[in-house]
Amino acid sequence: MSIAPPSAQVNAFQNDLQTSSPVTTTSVSLWRQRWVAPFVVAALPFALVACGKSGATAGPGGPGGAMPPPQVAVITVQSETQPVELEYTGQTAGSRETEVRARVAGILQRRLYEEGATVKAGTPLFQIDPANFQTQAASADAAVAVAQAKVNQARRDQARLAPLIAEKAISQKEYDDSKSALESGEASLKQAQAQANEARLNLGYTKVVAPITGTTGIVSKSDGSLVTAADSLLTTIVQTNPMYVNFSISESDFLRLNKQLNAGQLNVPGKRAANGSLGFTVSVKQADGSIFARTGKLNFASEKVNPQTGSIDARAEIPNPDGSLRPGQFVRVMLSGASRPNTLAVPQRAVIDSPFGKMVFTVSPDNKLVPNPVELGEWNQGKWAVTKGLKSGDRVLVDGFIKAHDPGMTVTPVPYVAEAKGNGEMGNKSAAAPAAAPASAAPVAAENKPKALDVQAVSASPATK
């Protein structure tokens, strides 16, 4: 749009251009004041009218082109009974682990099993050369026979002298000597029999058998090696069903949980057993992040703090019929079954890492953002337990931090709806516009628990407002 100047003003303007001296800063300024300013003032009402009409027609936010308050997803926190899951680092171990050792010295003739195979108790594993022990057993049997003969001779002598002593045909001493000879012979017979039993026992030890049912380990000695009393280890056997999982509970965790338990803030399953364990359900997370298919129970909890680690030793028992778990694996032990009554919880993505600690944005009744510092408890099933900073009924911002992050900013709240993703994580969508829901900042994952959402776009903290 243009406005033609009056003809008198145009003629005067041309005369000034013809008669003026070379252009200077002062002349330009005077020229602007004399000729440009009146045109701008005259054109301004027309421009405002034109812009007003255009803005009313094309502005995305209504009259004047103002943007509407951004749409954000919120939840209304309510007191609930939240399940509590405790997680610790543990290591698997066989429920029974034993060393297979030779009980007699000799030459190892051959191995009778396949390394790594599962064997039953009593299965022969090794054969030690039995020739020397067979000779010792035969010699012991001969000694028994000699002792038996002497006993028989003593019994016959005593039987012959018994009627003579009744008739006083022999002296009492002679009869007593025969009786003592019989008793001595019987004692010698027992000694010979014991030595024979030992010889047969050593002969039986030349065949080394499995003391327990389990999985065999690698052989420590090859065929033909000399086995001595000082070097008698042949292999190991581990029973892997059930499997033990050893872990430790830090002293600080124990004191905190015990305090919450006494205050009624925490409910634990079952009663304390004689071995110190509770009725927790135990799950095992393996190194690749997968959860072992079977769950177990606690079967031991120490009554004292380990002075070497400053923690309390505990142990769980997990069924392992197919041998999927192996001794020595490092795993995450998850204890479930406990619950925390009257708990306020917010999704993990609602918590912000600010320079002043953890905080969340709440939406006031007039739909304005209010920053709230919070104190967090346990993290479980995608939610943080909030122990301080919120009250029941507060509306908490969950999704939309990129569009709305300034304290006091007016927003349009819509209900937050969580949806499960294929990988087991929780996504979200807006109940008002699921197809066009704004993308929020992604959660930051940690080794065992997700951290709170770190939003650097927060313009001011509660302490500075």
Protein backbone atom coordinates (compact mmCIF):
# COMPACT_ATOMS: atom_id res chain seq x y z
CA MET A 1 0.00 0.00 0.00
CA SER A 2 1.38 3.52 -0.94
CA ILE A 3 0.13 7.08 -0.36
CA ALA A 4 0.83 9.77 -3.03
CA PRO A 5 2.05 13.04 -1.50
CA PRO A 6 0.26 16.31 -2.38
CA SER A 7 1.54 17.97 -5.54
CA ALA A 8 2.74 21.10 -3.72
CA GLN A 9 4.87 19.03 -1.44
CA VAL A 10 6.30 17.09 -4.38
CA ASN A 11 7.29 20.33 -6.18
CA ALA A 12 8.94 21.77 -3.09
CA PHE A 13 10.75 18.48 -2.54
CA GLN A 14 12.18 18.55 -6.11
CA ASN A 15 13.28 22.18 -5.75
CA ASP A 16 15.17 21.39 -2.59
CA LEU A 17 16.99 18.56 -4.32
CA GLN A 18 18.05 20.85 -7.22
CA THR A 19 19.20 23.78 -5.15
CA SER A 20 20.75 22.00 -2.18
CA SER A 21 24.43 21.85 -1.55
CA PRO A 22 26.34 18.55 -1.38
CA VAL A 23 24.72 16.05 0.96
CA THR A 24 25.82 16.17 4.55
CA THR A 25 24.70 14.40 7.68
CA THR A 26 22.92 17.55 8.83
CA SER A 27 21.11 18.03 5.54
CA VAL A 28 19.96 14.43 5.49
CA SER A 29 18.65 14.74 9.00
CA LEU A 30 16.76 17.93 8.18
CA TRP A 31 15.41 16.32 5.06
CA ARG A 32 14.07 13.38 7.04
CA GLN A 33 12.43 15.64 9.57
CA ARG A 34 10.83 17.84 6.91
CA TRP A 35 9.65 15.30 4.33
CA VAL A 36 9.88 11.68 5.56
CA ALA A 37 8.28 12.15 8.98
CA PRO A 38 5.00 13.60 7.61
CA PHE A 39 4.66 10.66 5.21
CA VAL A 40 5.28 8.08 7.96
CA VAL A 41 2.76 9.75 10.26
CA ALA A 42 0.21 9.91 7.44
CA ALA A 43 0.75 6.26 6.44
CA LEU A 44 0.75 4.78 9.98
CA PRO A 45 -3.06 4.56 10.48
CA PHE A 46 -3.48 2.85 7.12
CA ALA A 47 -0.70 0.34 7.91
CA LEU A 48 -2.19 -0.51 11.30
CA VAL A 49 -5.57 -1.12 9.74
CA ALA A 50 -4.07 -3.35 7.07
CA CYS A 51 -1.98 -5.32 9.58
CA GLY A 52 -4.94 -5.76 11.89
CA LYS A 53 -7.02 -7.25 9.12
CA SER A 54 -4.20 -9.57 8.05
CA GLY A 55 -3.49 -10.73 11.62
CA ALA A 56 -7.13 -11.41 12.30
CA THR A 57 -7.26 -13.57 9.24
CA ALA A 58 -3.94 -15.53 9.37
CA GLY A 59 -2.72 -15.40 12.98
CA PRO A 60 -2.40 -18.89 14.50
CA GLY A 61 -3.28 -17.78 18.00
CA GLY A 62 -6.34 -15.71 17.45
CA PRO A 63 -6.71 -11.89 17.32
CA GLY A 64 -3.43 -10.05 17.27
CA GLY A 65 -1.42 -13.23 16.42
CA ALA A 66 -0.81 -14.22 20.11
CA MET A 67 0.23 -17.89 20.64
CA PRO A 68 -2.07 -19.96 22.87
CA PRO A 69 -0.70 -21.50 26.10
CA PRO A 70 1.30 -24.64 25.30
CA GLN A 71 -0.36 -27.97 25.90
CA VAL A 72 1.33 -30.17 28.52
CA ALA A 73 0.55 -33.59 29.98
CA VAL A 74 0.02 -33.72 33.74
CA ILE A 75 -0.93 -36.26 36.38
CA THR A 76 -2.79 -35.69 39.63
CA VAL A 77 -0.82 -37.42 42.40
CA GLN A 78 -2.78 -39.44 44.90
CA SER A 79 -1.75 -41.49 47.94
CA GLU A 80 -1.32 -45.13 47.00
CA THR A 81 0.30 -48.32 48.24
CA GLN A 82 3.43 -48.58 46.17
CA PRO A 83 5.32 -51.87 45.78
CA VAL A 84 8.92 -51.65 46.92
CA GLU A 85 11.66 -53.54 45.13
CA LEU A 86 15.13 -53.68 46.66
CA GLU A 87 18.07 -54.36 44.37
CA TYR A 88 21.60 -55.45 45.26
CA THR A 89 24.68 -56.85 43.55
CA GLY A 90 25.18 -60.58 44.06
CA GLN A 91 27.14 -63.58 42.85
CA THR A 92 25.89 -67.08 42.20
CA ALA A 93 27.34 -70.13 43.91
CA GLY A 94 26.51 -73.81 43.92
CA SER A 95 24.29 -74.98 46.74
CA ARG A 96 26.89 -77.66 47.36
CA GLU A 97 30.48 -77.39 46.23
CA THR A 98 33.02 -80.08 47.07
CA GLU A 99 36.54 -81.12 46.16
CA VAL A 100 37.13 -84.63 44.94
CA ARG A 101 40.34 -85.90 46.56
CA ALA A 102 42.11 -89.24 46.59
CA ARG A 103 42.17 -90.91 50.01
CA VAL A 104 45.14 -93.14 49.24
CA ALA A 105 48.46 -92.52 47.50
CA GLY A 106 49.28 -94.24 44.24
CA ILE A 107 49.47 -93.97 40.48
CA LEU A 108 46.36 -92.58 38.79
CA GLN A 109 45.48 -95.20 36.20
CA ARG A 110 42.60 -93.58 34.32
CA ARG A 111 39.72 -91.14 34.44
CA LEU A 112 36.27 -92.74 34.33
CA TYR A 113 34.05 -89.74 33.51
CA GLU A 114 33.73 -86.90 31.01
CA GLU A 115 34.78 -83.48 32.24
CA GLY A 116 31.84 -81.13 32.72
CA ALA A 117 29.30 -83.95 32.88
CA THR A 118 26.62 -84.16 35.52
CA VAL A 119 27.10 -87.24 37.71
CA LYS A 120 25.19 -88.81 40.55
CA ALA A 121 26.57 -89.49 44.00
CA GLY A 122 28.56 -92.74 44.02
CA THR A 123 29.52 -92.62 40.34
CA PRO A 124 33.16 -93.83 39.81
CA LEU A 125 35.35 -90.96 38.63
CA PHE A 126 38.98 -92.18 38.87
CA GLN A 127 40.86 -95.44 39.24
CA ILE A 128 44.12 -95.58 41.21
CA ASP A 129 46.44 -98.56 40.71
CA PRO A 130 45.09 -101.16 43.21
CA ALA A 131 47.87 -103.80 43.01
CA ASN A 132 49.73 -102.70 46.16
CA PHE A 133 46.51 -102.42 48.13
CA GLN A 134 45.36 -105.83 46.98
CA THR A 135 48.60 -107.30 48.39
CA GLN A 136 48.11 -105.49 51.70
CA ALA A 137 44.54 -106.77 51.94
CA ALA A 138 45.66 -110.35 51.29
CA SER A 139 48.36 -110.06 53.98
CA ALA A 140 45.85 -108.71 56.45
CA ASP A 141 43.49 -111.60 55.73
CA ALA A 142 46.34 -114.05 56.42
CA ALA A 143 47.06 -112.36 59.74
CA VAL A 144 43.43 -112.77 60.66
CA ALA A 145 43.62 -116.47 59.87
CA VAL A 146 46.73 -116.88 62.12
CA ALA A 147 45.05 -115.06 64.97
CA GLN A 148 41.94 -117.20 64.57
CA ALA A 149 44.04 -120.37 64.77
CA LYS A 150 45.67 -119.23 67.99
CA VAL A 151 42.29 -118.50 69.51
CA ASN A 152 41.05 -121.95 68.55
CA GLN A 153 44.14 -123.54 70.14
CA ALA A 154 43.62 -121.56 73.36
CA ARG A 155 39.98 -122.63 73.52
CA ARG A 156 40.91 -126.32 73.17
CA ASP A 157 43.55 -126.03 75.90
CA GLN A 158 41.12 -124.46 78.28
CA ALA A 159 38.48 -127.06 77.54
CA ARG A 160 40.97 -129.87 78.34
CA LEU A 161 42.10 -128.32 81.62
CA ALA A 162 38.63 -127.45 82.94
CA PRO A 163 37.80 -130.98 84.33
CA LEU A 164 41.30 -131.40 85.74
CA ILE A 165 41.07 -128.28 87.82
CA ALA A 166 37.78 -129.54 89.22
CA GLU A 167 39.58 -132.69 90.47
CA LYS A 168 42.53 -130.61 91.59
CA ALA A 169 44.74 -132.60 89.20
CA ILE A 170 46.47 -129.41 88.06
CA SER A 171 47.43 -126.25 89.81
CA GLN A 172 45.26 -123.18 89.74
CA LYS A 173 48.06 -121.21 88.04
CA GLU A 174 48.20 -123.60 85.13
CA TYR A 175 44.49 -123.21 84.56
CA ASP A 176 44.64 -119.41 84.85
CA ASP A 177 47.44 -119.26 82.29
CA SER A 178 45.32 -121.15 79.78
CA LYS A 179 42.44 -118.78 80.35
CA SER A 180 44.70 -115.75 79.84
CA ALA A 181 46.07 -117.25 76.62
CA LEU A 182 42.53 -117.55 75.26
CA GLU A 183 41.72 -113.94 76.11
CA SER A 184 44.96 -112.72 74.55
CA GLY A 185 44.29 -114.72 71.41
CA GLU A 186 40.81 -113.26 71.04
CA ALA A 187 42.23 -109.72 71.36
CA SER A 188 44.86 -110.45 68.74
CA LEU A 189 42.13 -111.76 66.45
CA LYS A 190 40.18 -108.52 66.74
CA GLN A 191 43.29 -106.49 65.97
CA ALA A 192 44.03 -108.58 62.89
CA GLN A 193 40.43 -108.21 61.73
CA ALA A 194 40.62 -104.41 62.10
CA GLN A 195 43.80 -104.32 60.05
CA ALA A 196 42.14 -106.45 57.39
CA ASN A 197 39.17 -104.09 57.29
CA GLU A 198 41.52 -101.11 56.85
CA ALA A 199 43.32 -102.87 54.02
CA ARG A 200 40.05 -103.61 52.24
CA LEU A 201 38.92 -100.01 52.81
CA ASN A 202 42.11 -98.64 51.25
CA LEU A 203 41.65 -101.04 48.36
CA GLY A 204 38.14 -99.63 47.86
CA TYR A 205 39.53 -96.07 47.95
CA THR A 206 41.54 -96.80 44.83
CA LYS A 207 38.28 -96.24 42.96
CA VAL A 208 37.39 -92.57 43.55
CA VAL A 209 33.62 -91.93 43.42
CA ALA A 210 31.50 -88.77 43.36
CA PRO A 211 30.62 -87.68 46.92
CA ILE A 212 27.56 -85.64 45.76
CA THR A 213 25.35 -85.24 42.73
CA GLY A 214 26.45 -82.34 40.59
CA THR A 215 28.47 -81.06 37.66
CA THR A 216 32.09 -82.13 37.43
CA GLY A 217 34.97 -79.78 36.84
CA ILE A 218 38.26 -80.04 35.00
CA VAL A 219 40.71 -82.80 35.96
CA SER A 220 43.66 -81.66 38.06
CA LYS A 221 45.87 -84.68 37.24
CA SER A 222 46.28 -86.65 34.07
CA ASP A 223 46.47 -90.41 33.78
CA GLY A 224 49.74 -91.86 35.09
CA SER A 225 50.35 -89.08 37.62
CA LEU A 226 51.39 -89.85 41.16
CA VAL A 227 48.79 -88.99 43.76
CA THR A 228 50.12 -88.25 47.24
CA ALA A 229 48.56 -87.24 50.53
CA ALA A 230 49.90 -83.70 50.09
CA ASP A 231 48.68 -83.44 46.50
CA SER A 232 45.40 -85.33 46.38
CA LEU A 233 42.99 -82.93 44.57
CA LEU A 234 41.60 -84.57 41.44
CA THR A 235 38.59 -82.41 40.46
CA THR A 236 35.60 -80.53 41.87
CA ILE A 237 31.84 -81.10 41.80
CA VAL A 238 29.23 -78.35 42.09
CA GLN A 239 25.53 -78.89 42.69
CA THR A 240 23.73 -76.24 40.66
CA ASN A 241 20.12 -77.13 41.43
CA PRO A 242 19.14 -75.26 43.47
CA MET A 243 21.55 -72.36 43.01
CA TYR A 244 22.64 -70.02 45.80
CA VAL A 245 22.97 -66.26 45.26
CA ASN A 246 25.13 -64.47 47.81
CA PHE A 247 24.73 -60.71 48.27
CA SER A 248 25.19 -58.00 50.89
CA ILE A 249 22.91 -55.32 52.29
CA SER A 250 24.72 -52.12 53.21
CA GLU A 251 24.49 -50.96 56.79
CA SER A 252 22.93 -47.65 55.73
CA ASP A 253 20.18 -49.45 53.78
CA PHE A 254 19.55 -51.76 56.70
CA LEU A 255 19.21 -48.88 59.16
CA ARG A 256 16.95 -46.92 56.80
CA LEU A 257 14.67 -49.87 56.10
CA ASN A 258 14.56 -50.85 59.76
CA LYS A 259 13.59 -47.29 60.72
CA GLN A 260 10.83 -47.21 58.10
CA LEU A 261 9.62 -50.62 59.22
CA ASN A 262 9.37 -49.54 62.84
CA ALA A 263 7.57 -46.33 61.81
CA GLY A 264 4.96 -48.24 59.82
CA GLN A 265 6.14 -46.70 56.54
CA LEU A 266 7.17 -50.07 55.11
CA ASN A 267 5.49 -53.47 55.06
CA VAL A 268 7.62 -56.57 54.48
CA PRO A 269 6.30 -60.01 53.52
CA GLY A 270 6.22 -62.79 56.08
CA LYS A 271 7.79 -63.04 59.50
CA ARG A 272 11.46 -63.29 60.33
CA ALA A 273 12.50 -66.95 60.19
CA ALA A 274 14.90 -68.72 62.53
CA ASN A 275 17.74 -68.26 60.02
CA GLY A 276 17.10 -64.49 59.85
CA SER A 277 15.42 -64.46 56.43
CA LEU A 278 12.14 -62.81 55.43
CA GLY A 279 9.52 -63.86 52.89
CA PHE A 280 10.81 -61.75 49.99
CA THR A 281 10.40 -63.06 46.47
CA VAL A 282 13.84 -63.10 44.87
CA SER A 283 14.41 -62.45 41.16
CA VAL A 284 17.75 -62.45 39.40
CA LYS A 285 18.76 -60.02 36.64
CA GLN A 286 21.61 -61.39 34.54
CA ALA A 287 24.50 -59.53 32.95
CA ASP A 288 22.63 -58.99 29.66
CA GLY A 289 19.72 -57.36 31.48
CA SER A 290 17.38 -60.34 31.15
CA ILE A 291 15.41 -61.60 34.14
CA PHE A 292 15.93 -65.25 35.06
CA ALA A 293 12.71 -67.17 34.48
CA ARG A 294 12.42 -68.64 37.99
CA THR A 295 12.15 -66.90 41.32
CA GLY A 296 13.37 -68.02 44.71
CA LYS A 297 13.37 -67.17 48.38
CA LEU A 298 15.78 -65.92 50.99
CA ASN A 299 17.27 -68.73 53.04
CA PHE A 300 19.83 -66.90 55.17
CA ALA A 301 20.49 -63.45 56.62
CA SER A 302 23.36 -62.82 58.98
CA GLU A 303 22.73 -61.43 62.45
CA LYS A 304 25.92 -59.38 62.41
CA VAL A 305 27.68 -56.87 60.20
CA ASN A 306 30.64 -58.22 58.27
CA PRO A 307 33.62 -56.21 59.59
CA GLN A 308 35.47 -56.59 56.28
CA THR A 309 32.72 -55.13 54.09
CA GLY A 310 30.59 -53.13 56.54
CA SER A 311 27.47 -54.87 55.26
CA ILE A 312 25.12 -57.68 56.23
CA ASP A 313 25.56 -60.95 54.36
CA ALA A 314 22.47 -62.62 52.94
CA ARG A 315 21.73 -65.52 50.62
CA ALA A 316 18.90 -66.56 48.33
CA GLU A 317 18.03 -69.94 46.86
CA ILE A 318 16.91 -70.13 43.20
CA PRO A 319 15.64 -73.26 41.38
CA ASN A 320 17.92 -74.06 38.45
CA PRO A 321 16.82 -77.39 36.96
CA ASP A 322 18.15 -76.72 33.46
CA GLY A 323 21.51 -75.37 34.62
CA SER A 324 21.05 -71.94 33.02
CA LEU A 325 22.71 -70.24 35.97
CA ARG A 326 26.36 -71.05 36.52
CA PRO A 327 28.39 -70.59 39.69
CA GLY A 328 30.39 -67.37 39.83
CA GLN A 329 28.04 -65.19 37.75
CA PHE A 330 27.62 -61.58 38.85
CA VAL A 331 23.92 -60.74 38.93
CA ARG A 332 21.48 -58.18 40.31
CA VAL A 333 19.36 -59.54 43.14
CA MET A 334 15.86 -58.02 43.28
CA LEU A 335 13.79 -58.49 46.42
CA SER A 336 10.07 -57.92 45.88
CA GLY A 337 7.00 -58.34 48.02
CA ALA A 338 7.41 -55.30 50.27
CA SER A 339 5.09 -52.32 49.98
CA ARG A 340 4.96 -48.72 51.13
CA PRO A 341 1.49 -47.48 52.15
CA ASN A 342 0.23 -43.90 51.64
CA THR A 343 2.92 -43.03 49.11
CA LEU A 344 2.95 -40.24 46.55
CA ALA A 345 4.67 -41.33 43.34
CA VAL A 346 5.44 -39.57 40.06
CA PRO A 347 6.74 -40.95 36.76
CA GLN A 348 10.49 -40.90 36.36
CA ARG A 349 10.29 -38.42 33.46
CA ALA A 350 8.54 -35.85 35.68
CA VAL A 351 11.59 -35.37 37.93
CA ILE A 352 14.14 -32.72 36.94
CA ASP A 353 17.80 -32.51 37.91
CA SER A 354 18.32 -28.85 38.76
CA PRO A 355 21.42 -27.15 40.21
CA PHE A 356 19.57 -27.11 43.55
CA GLY A 357 18.57 -30.78 43.58
CA LYS A 358 15.57 -32.74 42.42
CA MET A 359 12.43 -30.83 41.51
CA VAL A 360 9.13 -31.14 39.66
CA PHE A 361 6.83 -28.63 38.02
CA THR A 362 3.31 -28.46 39.40
CA VAL A 363 0.39 -26.72 37.70
CA SER A 364 -1.50 -24.30 39.91
CA PRO A 365 -5.32 -23.98 39.87
CA ASP A 366 -4.96 -21.04 37.45
CA ASN A 367 -2.79 -23.24 35.14
CA LYS A 368 0.58 -21.68 35.88
CA LEU A 369 3.84 -23.57 36.28
CA VAL A 370 5.20 -23.72 39.84
CA PRO A 371 8.64 -25.31 40.55
CA ASN A 372 8.66 -27.61 43.57
CA PRO A 373 11.82 -29.06 45.16
CA VAL A 374 11.21 -32.68 46.18
CA GLU A 375 12.91 -35.46 48.10
CA LEU A 376 12.78 -38.91 46.52
CA GLY A 377 12.60 -42.40 47.94
CA GLU A 378 12.82 -45.67 46.02
CA TRP A 379 12.41 -45.99 42.27
CA ASN A 380 10.10 -48.78 41.22
CA GLN A 381 8.19 -49.71 38.08
CA GLY A 382 8.98 -46.41 36.35
CA LYS A 383 8.00 -44.20 39.29
CA TRP A 384 9.84 -42.28 41.98
CA ALA A 385 8.39 -42.29 45.47
CA VAL A 386 8.22 -38.68 46.68
CA THR A 387 8.82 -38.39 50.43
CA LYS A 388 8.72 -34.59 50.63
CA GLY A 389 7.62 -31.65 48.45
CA LEU A 390 4.22 -32.79 47.15
CA LYS A 391 0.77 -33.35 48.58
CA SER A 392 -2.17 -35.40 47.44
CA GLY A 393 -4.09 -33.66 44.65
CA ASP A 394 -1.15 -31.75 43.15
CA ARG A 395 -0.99 -31.68 39.37
CA VAL A 396 2.52 -32.54 38.19
CA LEU A 397 3.93 -31.80 34.74
CA VAL A 398 5.07 -35.03 33.07
CA ASP A 399 5.42 -34.26 29.37
CA GLY A 400 6.04 -30.96 27.61
CA PHE A 401 9.21 -29.60 29.21
CA ILE A 402 10.54 -28.28 25.93
CA LYS A 403 7.50 -26.05 25.40
CA ALA A 404 6.87 -25.17 29.04
CA HIS A 405 9.79 -24.72 31.42
CA ASP A 406 9.52 -21.16 32.76
CA PRO A 407 8.13 -20.72 36.28
CA GLY A 408 4.87 -18.75 36.19
CA MET A 409 4.18 -19.66 32.57
CA THR A 410 0.53 -20.32 31.67
CA VAL A 411 -0.11 -23.77 30.19
CA THR A 412 -3.00 -25.90 29.00
CA PRO A 413 -2.94 -29.14 31.02
CA VAL A 414 -4.22 -32.43 29.59
CA PRO A 415 -4.20 -35.85 31.32
CA TYR A 416 -1.03 -37.89 30.95
CA VAL A 417 -1.61 -41.42 29.67
CA ALA A 418 1.20 -43.99 29.88
CA GLU A 419 1.50 -46.73 27.31
CA ALA A 420 3.74 -49.78 27.34
CA LYS A 421 6.39 -50.08 24.65
CA GLY A 422 7.67 -53.28 23.17
CA ASN A 423 10.92 -53.19 25.13
CA GLY A 424 9.13 -53.01 28.46
CA GLU A 425 9.63 -49.29 29.00
CA MET A 426 6.78 -46.88 29.53
CA GLY A 427 6.02 -44.32 26.87
CA ASN A 428 3.34 -41.68 26.96
CA LYS A 429 0.72 -39.98 24.88
CA SER A 430 -1.52 -37.02 25.43
CA ALA A 431 -5.15 -37.81 26.04
CA ALA A 432 -6.17 -34.72 24.04
CA ALA A 433 -3.94 -35.16 20.98
CA PRO A 434 -2.28 -38.59 20.85
CA ALA A 435 -1.07 -38.24 17.28
CA ALA A 436 0.57 -34.85 17.71
CA ALA A 437 1.89 -35.18 21.24
CA PRO A 438 5.08 -33.17 21.68
CA ALA A 439 8.26 -35.08 22.20
CA SER A 440 9.69 -34.63 25.65
CA ALA A 441 13.21 -34.95 26.83
CA ALA A 442 14.26 -38.60 27.01
CA PRO A 443 15.08 -40.22 30.35
CA VAL A 444 18.73 -40.77 31.15
CA ALA A 445 19.42 -44.42 31.98
CA ALA A 446 21.77 -45.53 34.75
CA GLU A 447 23.25 -48.91 35.65
CA ASN A 448 20.56 -49.99 38.05
CA LYS A 449 18.07 -47.07 38.27
CA PRO A 450 17.11 -44.33 35.79
CA LYS A 451 18.16 -40.86 36.82
CA ALA A 452 15.77 -37.95 36.93
CA LEU A 453 15.24 -35.98 33.76
CA ASP A 454 17.92 -33.32 33.34
CA VAL A 455 16.34 -30.19 31.86
CA GLN A 456 18.87 -27.40 31.38
CA ALA A 457 16.22 -25.11 29.91
CA VAL A 458 14.86 -24.22 33.35
CA SER A 459 15.38 -20.47 33.36
CA ALA A 460 15.30 -19.95 37.09
CA SER A 461 15.29 -22.13 40.17
CA PRO A 462 12.85 -21.75 43.08
CA ALA A 463 15.57 -20.16 45.16
CA THR A 464 16.09 -17.32 42.68
CA LYS A 465 12.44 -16.51 41.93
